[in-house]
Amino acid sequence: MHQEQELVKVFLELTDKVKSIETQLKQISLNERNPLGDIYLDTDEVCALLKICKRTLQKYRDESSISFILLGGKTLYKTSDIKEALEKNYQPALNS
């Protein structure tokens, strides 16, 4: 019983984080339209958005969990790729 409550709590926290990220991505999209059709974020912006450290983001790149662009020594991420990675790794609630 306690384990199920913990799972529900973790799921709700993850759902809130995904909603928060989606809201932030929408806000970025409204504020910073790119003439190329997508929005590009640097490492610091992605870390802040996902609330992770740079090492974790590097791990995601190493594992090919998230797509990125390496251009002249700068790493960029498309917001659509970030959203895709989140959706691909989404874990739905377990039906008991």
PDB file of N, CA and C in Angstrom:
ATOM      1  N   MET A   1       0.829  -1.193   0.000  1.00  0.00           N
ATOM      2  CA  MET A   1       0.000   0.000   0.000  1.00  0.00           C
ATOM      3  C   MET A   1       0.870   1.253   0.000  1.00  0.00           C
ATOM      4  N   HIS A   2       1.874   1.267   0.867  1.00  0.00           N
ATOM      5  CA  HIS A   2       2.760   2.426   0.963  1.00  0.00           C
ATOM      6  C   HIS A   2       3.513   2.642  -0.350  1.00  0.00           C
ATOM      7  N   GLN A   3       3.929   1.540  -0.985  1.00  0.00           N
ATOM      8  CA  GLN A   3       4.657   1.633  -2.243  1.00  0.00           C
ATOM      9  C   GLN A   3       3.769   2.229  -3.336  1.00  0.00           C
ATOM     10  N   GLU A   4       2.503   1.859  -3.354  1.00  0.00           N
ATOM     11  CA  GLU A   4       1.572   2.417  -4.338  1.00  0.00           C
ATOM     12  C   GLU A   4       1.397   3.915  -4.131  1.00  0.00           C
ATOM     13  N   GLN A   5       1.322   4.330  -2.878  1.00  0.00           N
ATOM     14  CA  GLN A   5       1.192   5.758  -2.580  1.00  0.00           C
ATOM     15  C   GLN A   5       2.427   6.515  -3.043  1.00  0.00           C
ATOM     16  N   GLU A   6       3.594   5.919  -2.852  1.00  0.00           N
ATOM     17  CA  GLU A   6       4.838   6.542  -3.311  1.00  0.00           C
ATOM     18  C   GLU A   6       4.840   6.667  -4.833  1.00  0.00           C
ATOM     19  N   LEU A   7       4.399   5.611  -5.526  1.00  0.00           N
ATOM     20  CA  LEU A   7       4.340   5.645  -6.987  1.00  0.00           C
ATOM     21  C   LEU A   7       3.386   6.734  -7.472  1.00  0.00           C
ATOM     22  N   VAL A   8       2.253   6.857  -6.834  1.00  0.00           N
ATOM     23  CA  VAL A   8       1.286   7.897  -7.199  1.00  0.00           C
ATOM     24  C   VAL A   8       1.898   9.271  -6.969  1.00  0.00           C
ATOM     25  N   LYS A   9       2.567   9.444  -5.845  1.00  0.00           N
ATOM     26  CA  LYS A   9       3.205  10.725  -5.528  1.00  0.00           C
ATOM     27  C   LYS A   9       4.260  11.081  -6.574  1.00  0.00           C
ATOM     28  N   VAL A  10       5.115  10.123  -6.925  1.00  0.00           N
ATOM     29  CA  VAL A  10       6.157  10.356  -7.927  1.00  0.00           C
ATOM     30  C   VAL A  10       5.527  10.669  -9.276  1.00  0.00           C
ATOM     31  N   PHE A  11       4.489   9.931  -9.643  1.00  0.00           N
ATOM     32  CA  PHE A  11       3.817  10.179 -10.916  1.00  0.00           C
ATOM     33  C   PHE A  11       3.242  11.592 -10.970  1.00  0.00           C
ATOM     34  N   LEU A  12       2.592  12.016  -9.903  1.00  0.00           N
ATOM     35  CA  LEU A  12       2.015  13.361  -9.871  1.00  0.00           C
ATOM     36  C   LEU A  12       3.097  14.427  -9.962  1.00  0.00           C
ATOM     37  N   GLU A  13       4.223  14.206  -9.304  1.00  0.00           N
ATOM     38  CA  GLU A  13       5.335  15.152  -9.383  1.00  0.00           C
ATOM     39  C   GLU A  13       5.868  15.233 -10.808  1.00  0.00           C
ATOM     40  N   LEU A  14       6.024  14.084 -11.460  1.00  0.00           N
ATOM     41  CA  LEU A  14       6.502  14.066 -12.842  1.00  0.00           C
ATOM     42  C   LEU A  14       5.504  14.741 -13.779  1.00  0.00           C
ATOM     43  N   THR A  15       4.235  14.494 -13.563  1.00  0.00           N
ATOM     44  CA  THR A  15       3.205  15.136 -14.376  1.00  0.00           C
ATOM     45  C   THR A  15       3.282  16.649 -14.237  1.00  0.00           C
ATOM     46  N   ASP A  16       3.455  17.126 -13.019  1.00  0.00           N
ATOM     47  CA  ASP A  16       3.583  18.569 -12.791  1.00  0.00           C
ATOM     48  C   ASP A  16       4.806  19.130 -13.502  1.00  0.00           C
ATOM     49  N   LYS A  17       5.923  18.399 -13.459  1.00  0.00           N
ATOM     50  CA  LYS A  17       7.142  18.868 -14.120  1.00  0.00           C
ATOM     51  C   LYS A  17       6.952  18.934 -15.629  1.00  0.00           C
ATOM     52  N   VAL A  18       6.322  17.910 -16.199  1.00  0.00           N
ATOM     53  CA  VAL A  18       6.086  17.900 -17.648  1.00  0.00           C
ATOM     54  C   VAL A  18       5.183  19.072 -18.039  1.00  0.00           C
ATOM     55  N   LYS A  19       4.149  19.323 -17.248  1.00  0.00           N
ATOM     56  CA  LYS A  19       3.257  20.455 -17.526  1.00  0.00           C
ATOM     57  C   LYS A  19       4.014  21.770 -17.428  1.00  0.00           C
ATOM     58  N   SER A  20       4.881  21.886 -16.445  1.00  0.00           N
ATOM     59  CA  SER A  20       5.674  23.100 -16.270  1.00  0.00           C
ATOM     60  C   SER A  20       6.602  23.313 -17.464  1.00  0.00           C
ATOM     61  N   ILE A  21       7.244  22.247 -17.902  1.00  0.00           N
ATOM     62  CA  ILE A  21       8.138  22.341 -19.054  1.00  0.00           C
ATOM     63  C   ILE A  21       7.350  22.710 -20.302  1.00  0.00           C
ATOM     64  N   GLU A  22       6.194  22.111 -20.479  1.00  0.00           N
ATOM     65  CA  GLU A  22       5.356  22.424 -21.635  1.00  0.00           C
ATOM     66  C   GLU A  22       4.953  23.897 -21.624  1.00  0.00           C
ATOM     67  N   THR A  23       4.584  24.411 -20.465  1.00  0.00           N
ATOM     68  CA  THR A  23       4.221  25.820 -20.336  1.00  0.00           C
ATOM     69  C   THR A  23       5.406  26.711 -20.678  1.00  0.00           C
ATOM     70  N   GLN A  24       6.580  26.356 -20.168  1.00  0.00           N
ATOM     71  CA  GLN A  24       7.773  27.147 -20.445  1.00  0.00           C
ATOM     72  C   GLN A  24       8.123  27.109 -21.926  1.00  0.00           C
ATOM     73  N   LEU A  25       7.995  25.943 -22.544  1.00  0.00           N
ATOM     74  CA  LEU A  25       8.276  25.837 -23.976  1.00  0.00           C
ATOM     75  C   LEU A  25       7.300  26.675 -24.797  1.00  0.00           C
ATOM     76  N   LYS A  26       6.034  26.679 -24.403  1.00  0.00           N
ATOM     77  CA  LYS A  26       5.053  27.509 -25.099  1.00  0.00           C
ATOM     78  C   LYS A  26       5.405  28.982 -24.962  1.00  0.00           C
ATOM     79  N   GLN A  27       5.817  29.382 -23.760  1.00  0.00           N
ATOM     80  CA  GLN A  27       6.188  30.779 -23.529  1.00  0.00           C
ATOM     81  C   GLN A  27       7.404  31.157 -24.367  1.00  0.00           C
ATOM     82  N   ILE A  28       8.381  30.285 -24.417  1.00  0.00           N
ATOM     83  CA  ILE A  28       9.564  30.535 -25.236  1.00  0.00           C
ATOM     84  C   ILE A  28       9.152  30.664 -26.690  1.00  0.00           C
ATOM     85  N   SER A  29       8.272  29.786 -27.122  1.00  0.00           N
ATOM     86  CA  SER A  29       7.809  29.801 -28.506  1.00  0.00           C
ATOM     87  C   SER A  29       7.126  31.115 -28.854  1.00  0.00           C
ATOM     88  N   LEU A  30       6.347  31.636 -27.939  1.00  0.00           N
ATOM     89  CA  LEU A  30       5.654  32.901 -28.184  1.00  0.00           C
ATOM     90  C   LEU A  30       6.617  34.082 -28.192  1.00  0.00           C
ATOM     91  N   ASN A  31       7.629  34.029 -27.347  1.00  0.00           N
ATOM     92  CA  ASN A  31       8.533  35.166 -27.183  1.00  0.00           C
ATOM     93  C   ASN A  31       9.695  35.187 -28.158  1.00  0.00           C
ATOM     94  N   GLU A  32      10.129  34.039 -28.620  1.00  0.00           N
ATOM     95  CA  GLU A  32      11.356  33.984 -29.410  1.00  0.00           C
ATOM     96  C   GLU A  32      11.162  33.180 -30.689  1.00  0.00           C
ATOM     97  N   ARG A  33      10.391  33.683 -31.591  1.00  0.00           N
ATOM     98  CA  ARG A  33      10.190  32.991 -32.863  1.00  0.00           C
ATOM     99  C   ARG A  33      11.485  33.024 -33.665  1.00  0.00           C
ATOM    100  N   ASN A  34      11.839  31.894 -34.212  1.00  0.00           N
ATOM    101  CA  ASN A  34      13.045  31.760 -35.008  1.00  0.00           C
ATOM    102  C   ASN A  34      12.643  31.697 -36.475  1.00  0.00           C
ATOM    103  N   PRO A  35      13.315  32.450 -37.335  1.00  0.00           N
ATOM    104  CA  PRO A  35      12.957  32.425 -38.756  1.00  0.00           C
ATOM    105  C   PRO A  35      13.159  31.053 -39.399  1.00  0.00           C
ATOM    106  N   LEU A  36      13.927  30.178 -38.768  1.00  0.00           N
ATOM    107  CA  LEU A  36      14.144  28.840 -39.309  1.00  0.00           C
ATOM    108  C   LEU A  36      13.026  27.880 -38.924  1.00  0.00           C
ATOM    109  N   GLY A  37      12.086  28.344 -38.109  1.00  0.00           N
ATOM    110  CA  GLY A  37      10.927  27.532 -37.784  1.00  0.00           C
ATOM    111  C   GLY A  37      11.003  26.783 -36.474  1.00  0.00           C
ATOM    112  N   ASP A  38      12.132  26.797 -35.802  1.00  0.00           N
ATOM    113  CA  ASP A  38      12.244  26.121 -34.513  1.00  0.00           C
ATOM    114  C   ASP A  38      13.019  27.020 -33.566  1.00  0.00           C
ATOM    115  N   ILE A  39      12.966  26.702 -32.301  1.00  0.00           N
ATOM    116  CA  ILE A  39      13.679  27.477 -31.294  1.00  0.00           C
ATOM    117  C   ILE A  39      14.841  26.633 -30.806  1.00  0.00           C
ATOM    118  N   TYR A  40      16.000  27.261 -30.697  1.00  0.00           N
ATOM    119  CA  TYR A  40      17.206  26.567 -30.272  1.00  0.00           C
ATOM    120  C   TYR A  40      17.632  27.084 -28.906  1.00  0.00           C
ATOM    121  N   LEU A  41      17.911  26.158 -27.998  1.00  0.00           N
ATOM    122  CA  LEU A  41      18.344  26.503 -26.650  1.00  0.00           C
ATOM    123  C   LEU A  41      19.769  26.019 -26.448  1.00  0.00           C
ATOM    124  N   ASP A  42      20.533  26.772 -25.646  1.00  0.00           N
ATOM    125  CA  ASP A  42      21.878  26.310 -25.323  1.00  0.00           C
ATOM    126  C   ASP A  42      21.829  25.407 -24.093  1.00  0.00           C
ATOM    127  N   THR A  43      22.982  24.911 -23.707  1.00  0.00           N
ATOM    128  CA  THR A  43      23.065  23.961 -22.593  1.00  0.00           C
ATOM    129  C   THR A  43      22.494  24.535 -21.303  1.00  0.00           C
ATOM    130  N   ASP A  44      22.853  25.767 -20.977  1.00  0.00           N
ATOM    131  CA  ASP A  44      22.365  26.377 -19.737  1.00  0.00           C
ATOM    132  C   ASP A  44      20.843  26.506 -19.735  1.00  0.00           C
ATOM    133  N   GLU A  45      20.277  26.886 -20.875  1.00  0.00           N
ATOM    134  CA  GLU A  45      18.822  27.042 -20.966  1.00  0.00           C
ATOM    135  C   GLU A  45      18.105  25.700 -20.806  1.00  0.00           C
ATOM    136  N   VAL A  46      18.656  24.655 -21.417  1.00  0.00           N
ATOM    137  CA  VAL A  46      18.040  23.330 -21.308  1.00  0.00           C
ATOM    138  C   VAL A  46      18.139  22.815 -19.869  1.00  0.00           C
ATOM    139  N   CYS A  47      19.298  23.018 -19.250  1.00  0.00           N
ATOM    140  CA  CYS A  47      19.464  22.584 -17.853  1.00  0.00           C
ATOM    141  C   CYS A  47      18.464  23.294 -16.947  1.00  0.00           C
ATOM    142  N   ALA A  48      18.283  24.582 -17.154  1.00  0.00           N
ATOM    143  CA  ALA A  48      17.319  25.333 -16.343  1.00  0.00           C
ATOM    144  C   ALA A  48      15.893  24.853 -16.614  1.00  0.00           C
ATOM    145  N   LEU A  49      15.586  24.613 -17.862  1.00  0.00           N
ATOM    146  CA  LEU A  49      14.246  24.172 -18.243  1.00  0.00           C
ATOM    147  C   LEU A  49      13.902  22.809 -17.638  1.00  0.00           C
ATOM    148  N   LEU A  50      14.841  21.881 -17.708  1.00  0.00           N
ATOM    149  CA  LEU A  50      14.602  20.526 -17.216  1.00  0.00           C
ATOM    150  C   LEU A  50      14.979  20.357 -15.745  1.00  0.00           C
ATOM    151  N   LYS A  51      15.575  21.393 -15.181  1.00  0.00           N
ATOM    152  CA  LYS A  51      16.033  21.361 -13.777  1.00  0.00           C
ATOM    153  C   LYS A  51      16.997  20.201 -13.547  1.00  0.00           C
ATOM    154  N   ILE A  52      18.011  20.148 -14.418  1.00  0.00           N
ATOM    155  CA  ILE A  52      19.058  19.133 -14.311  1.00  0.00           C
ATOM    156  C   ILE A  52      20.411  19.831 -14.388  1.00  0.00           C
ATOM    157  N   CYS A  53      21.466  19.110 -14.022  1.00  0.00           N
ATOM    158  CA  CYS A  53      22.813  19.681 -14.110  1.00  0.00           C
ATOM    159  C   CYS A  53      23.405  19.384 -15.492  1.00  0.00           C
ATOM    160  N   LYS A  54      24.508  20.052 -15.795  1.00  0.00           N
ATOM    161  CA  LYS A  54      25.148  19.881 -17.102  1.00  0.00           C
ATOM    162  C   LYS A  54      25.625  18.448 -17.305  1.00  0.00           C
ATOM    163  N   ARG A  55      26.080  17.813 -16.243  1.00  0.00           N
ATOM    164  CA  ARG A  55      26.562  16.435 -16.349  1.00  0.00           C
ATOM    165  C   ARG A  55      25.424  15.485 -16.742  1.00  0.00           C
ATOM    166  N   THR A  56      24.254  15.699 -16.191  1.00  0.00           N
ATOM    167  CA  THR A  56      23.099  14.868 -16.548  1.00  0.00           C
ATOM    168  C   THR A  56      22.734  15.072 -18.011  1.00  0.00           C
ATOM    169  N   LEU A  57      22.766  16.319 -18.454  1.00  0.00           N
ATOM    170  CA  LEU A  57      22.468  16.596 -19.863  1.00  0.00           C
ATOM    171  C   LEU A  57      23.510  15.934 -20.763  1.00  0.00           C
ATOM    172  N   GLN A  58      24.777  15.971 -20.353  1.00  0.00           N
ATOM    173  CA  GLN A  58      25.836  15.294 -21.108  1.00  0.00           C
ATOM    174  C   GLN A  58      25.557  13.791 -21.182  1.00  0.00           C
ATOM    175  N   LYS A  59      25.106  13.221 -20.077  1.00  0.00           N
ATOM    176  CA  LYS A  59      24.764  11.792 -20.047  1.00  0.00           C
ATOM    177  C   LYS A  59      23.645  11.492 -21.036  1.00  0.00           C
ATOM    178  N   TYR A  60      22.638  12.353 -21.084  1.00  0.00           N
ATOM    179  CA  TYR A  60      21.541  12.172 -22.041  1.00  0.00           C
ATOM    180  C   TYR A  60      22.063  12.201 -23.476  1.00  0.00           C
ATOM    181  N   ARG A  61      23.017  13.091 -23.744  1.00  0.00           N
ATOM    182  CA  ARG A  61      23.610  13.141 -25.090  1.00  0.00           C
ATOM    183  C   ARG A  61      24.389  11.862 -25.374  1.00  0.00           C
ATOM    184  N   ASP A  62      25.212  11.435 -24.400  1.00  0.00           N
ATOM    185  CA  ASP A  62      26.024  10.224 -24.577  1.00  0.00           C
ATOM    186  C   ASP A  62      25.158   8.997 -24.834  1.00  0.00           C
ATOM    187  N   GLU A  63      24.008   8.939 -24.193  1.00  0.00           N
ATOM    188  CA  GLU A  63      23.089   7.801 -24.339  1.00  0.00           C
ATOM    189  C   GLU A  63      22.157   7.959 -25.539  1.00  0.00           C
ATOM    190  N   SER A  64      22.307   9.052 -26.273  1.00  0.00           N
ATOM    191  CA  SER A  64      21.423   9.379 -27.402  1.00  0.00           C
ATOM    192  C   SER A  64      19.974   9.502 -26.960  1.00  0.00           C
ATOM    193  N   SER A  65      19.768   9.960 -25.727  1.00  0.00           N
ATOM    194  CA  SER A  65      18.411  10.164 -25.218  1.00  0.00           C
ATOM    195  C   SER A  65      17.822  11.471 -25.708  1.00  0.00           C
ATOM    196  N   ILE A  66      18.697  12.402 -26.087  1.00  0.00           N
ATOM    197  CA  ILE A  66      18.234  13.708 -26.544  1.00  0.00           C
ATOM    198  C   ILE A  66      19.087  14.130 -27.739  1.00  0.00           C
ATOM    199  N   SER A  67      18.437  14.635 -28.761  1.00  0.00           N
ATOM    200  CA  SER A  67      19.148  15.088 -29.956  1.00  0.00           C
ATOM    201  C   SER A  67      19.767  16.452 -29.697  1.00  0.00           C
ATOM    202  N   PHE A  68      20.854  16.738 -30.398  1.00  0.00           N
ATOM    203  CA  PHE A  68      21.520  18.023 -30.232  1.00  0.00           C
ATOM    204  C   PHE A  68      22.282  18.386 -31.494  1.00  0.00           C
ATOM    205  N   ILE A  69      22.690  19.635 -31.550  1.00  0.00           N
ATOM    206  CA  ILE A  69      23.473  20.157 -32.667  1.00  0.00           C
ATOM    207  C   ILE A  69      24.778  20.669 -32.083  1.00  0.00           C
ATOM    208  N   LEU A  70      25.890  20.266 -32.666  1.00  0.00           N
ATOM    209  CA  LEU A  70      27.186  20.777 -32.246  1.00  0.00           C
ATOM    210  C   LEU A  70      27.689  21.667 -33.370  1.00  0.00           C
ATOM    211  N   LEU A  71      27.754  22.959 -33.108  1.00  0.00           N
ATOM    212  CA  LEU A  71      28.110  23.928 -34.132  1.00  0.00           C
ATOM    213  C   LEU A  71      29.190  24.850 -33.589  1.00  0.00           C
ATOM    214  N   GLY A  72      30.382  24.716 -34.133  1.00  0.00           N
ATOM    215  CA  GLY A  72      31.477  25.586 -33.719  1.00  0.00           C
ATOM    216  C   GLY A  72      31.778  25.518 -32.234  1.00  0.00           C
ATOM    217  N   GLY A  73      31.672  24.348 -31.647  1.00  0.00           N
ATOM    218  CA  GLY A  73      31.962  24.185 -30.233  1.00  0.00           C
ATOM    219  C   GLY A  73      30.798  24.514 -29.312  1.00  0.00           C
ATOM    220  N   LYS A  74      29.699  24.968 -29.875  1.00  0.00           N
ATOM    221  CA  LYS A  74      28.520  25.284 -29.066  1.00  0.00           C
ATOM    222  C   LYS A  74      27.473  24.196 -29.290  1.00  0.00           C
ATOM    223  N   THR A  75      26.870  23.744 -28.199  1.00  0.00           N
ATOM    224  CA  THR A  75      25.841  22.715 -28.279  1.00  0.00           C
ATOM    225  C   THR A  75      24.475  23.375 -28.192  1.00  0.00           C
ATOM    226  N   LEU A  76      23.627  23.052 -29.158  1.00  0.00           N
ATOM    227  CA  LEU A  76      22.273  23.605 -29.209  1.00  0.00           C
ATOM    228  C   LEU A  76      21.257  22.468 -29.247  1.00  0.00           C
ATOM    229  N   TYR A  77      20.073  22.782 -28.754  1.00  0.00           N
ATOM    230  CA  TYR A  77      18.991  21.802 -28.694  1.00  0.00           C
ATOM    231  C   TYR A  77      17.724  22.439 -29.244  1.00  0.00           C
ATOM    232  N   LYS A  78      17.022  21.710 -30.129  1.00  0.00           N
ATOM    233  CA  LYS A  78      15.736  22.200 -30.621  1.00  0.00           C
ATOM    234  C   LYS A  78      14.672  21.896 -29.574  1.00  0.00           C
ATOM    235  N   THR A  79      13.797  22.861 -29.340  1.00  0.00           N
ATOM    236  CA  THR A  79      12.736  22.648 -28.354  1.00  0.00           C
ATOM    237  C   THR A  79      11.853  21.467 -28.755  1.00  0.00           C
ATOM    238  N   SER A  80      11.655  21.283 -30.039  1.00  0.00           N
ATOM    239  CA  SER A  80      10.831  20.149 -30.482  1.00  0.00           C
ATOM    240  C   SER A  80      11.501  18.817 -30.143  1.00  0.00           C
ATOM    241  N   ASP A  81      12.838  18.770 -30.188  1.00  0.00           N
ATOM    242  CA  ASP A  81      13.556  17.545 -29.819  1.00  0.00           C
ATOM    243  C   ASP A  81      13.465  17.274 -28.320  1.00  0.00           C
ATOM    244  N   ILE A  82      13.485  18.341 -27.521  1.00  0.00           N
ATOM    245  CA  ILE A  82      13.354  18.188 -26.070  1.00  0.00           C
ATOM    246  C   ILE A  82      11.979  17.618 -25.739  1.00  0.00           C
ATOM    247  N   LYS A  83      10.962  18.206 -26.354  1.00  0.00           N
ATOM    248  CA  LYS A  83       9.596  17.728 -26.110  1.00  0.00           C
ATOM    249  C   LYS A  83       9.453  16.273 -26.557  1.00  0.00           C
ATOM    250  N   GLU A  84      10.027  15.937 -27.701  1.00  0.00           N
ATOM    251  CA  GLU A  84       9.965  14.563 -28.210  1.00  0.00           C
ATOM    252  C   GLU A  84      10.631  13.586 -27.235  1.00  0.00           C
ATOM    253  N   ALA A  85      11.781  13.964 -26.685  1.00  0.00           N
ATOM    254  CA  ALA A  85      12.482  13.100 -25.726  1.00  0.00           C
ATOM    255  C   ALA A  85      11.642  12.899 -24.471  1.00  0.00           C
ATOM    256  N   LEU A  86      10.998  13.958 -24.013  1.00  0.00           N
ATOM    257  CA  LEU A  86      10.140  13.845 -22.831  1.00  0.00           C
ATOM    258  C   LEU A  86       8.959  12.919 -23.104  1.00  0.00           C
ATOM    259  N   GLU A  87       8.330  13.099 -24.250  1.00  0.00           N
ATOM    260  CA  GLU A  87       7.166  12.274 -24.586  1.00  0.00           C
ATOM    261  C   GLU A  87       7.559  10.811 -24.795  1.00  0.00           C
ATOM    262  N   LYS A  88       8.730  10.591 -25.391  1.00  0.00           N
ATOM    263  CA  LYS A  88       9.197   9.231 -25.640  1.00  0.00           C
ATOM    264  C   LYS A  88       9.470   8.489 -24.330  1.00  0.00           C
ATOM    265  N   ASN A  89       9.877   9.215 -23.318  1.00  0.00           N
ATOM    266  CA  ASN A  89      10.217   8.604 -22.030  1.00  0.00           C
ATOM    267  C   ASN A  89       9.103   8.706 -21.001  1.00  0.00           C
ATOM    268  N   TYR A  90       7.941   9.136 -21.439  1.00  0.00           N
ATOM    269  CA  TYR A  90       6.791   9.263 -20.543  1.00  0.00           C
ATOM    270  C   TYR A  90       6.364   7.884 -20.053  1.00  0.00           C
ATOM    271  N   GLN A  91       6.151   7.772 -18.767  1.00  0.00           N
ATOM    272  CA  GLN A  91       5.708   6.516 -18.160  1.00  0.00           C
ATOM    273  C   GLN A  91       4.292   6.710 -17.631  1.00  0.00           C
ATOM    274  N   PRO A  92       3.297   6.100 -18.267  1.00  0.00           N
ATOM    275  CA  PRO A  92       1.920   6.267 -17.791  1.00  0.00           C
ATOM    276  C   PRO A  92       1.714   5.588 -16.441  1.00  0.00           C
ATOM    277  N   ALA A  93       0.676   6.010 -15.760  1.00  0.00           N
ATOM    278  CA  ALA A  93       0.344   5.445 -14.451  1.00  0.00           C
ATOM    279  C   ALA A  93      -0.019   3.976 -14.599  1.00  0.00           C
ATOM    280  N   LEU A  94       0.345   3.227 -13.592  1.00  0.00           N
ATOM    281  CA  LEU A  94      -0.010   1.810 -13.574  1.00  0.00           C
ATOM    282  C   LEU A  94      -1.451   1.666 -13.124  1.00  0.00           C
ATOM    283  N   ASN A  95      -2.219   0.917 -13.870  1.00  0.00           N
ATOM    284  CA  ASN A  95      -3.612   0.665 -13.484  1.00  0.00           C
ATOM    285  C   ASN A  95      -3.638  -0.507 -12.518  1.00  0.00           C
ATOM    286  N   SER A  96      -4.116  -0.249 -11.315  1.00  0.00           N
ATOM    287  CA  SER A  96      -4.157  -1.318 -10.304  1.00  0.00           C
ATOM    288  C   SER A  96      -5.523  -1.940 -10.246  1.00  0.00           C
TER     289      SER A  96
END
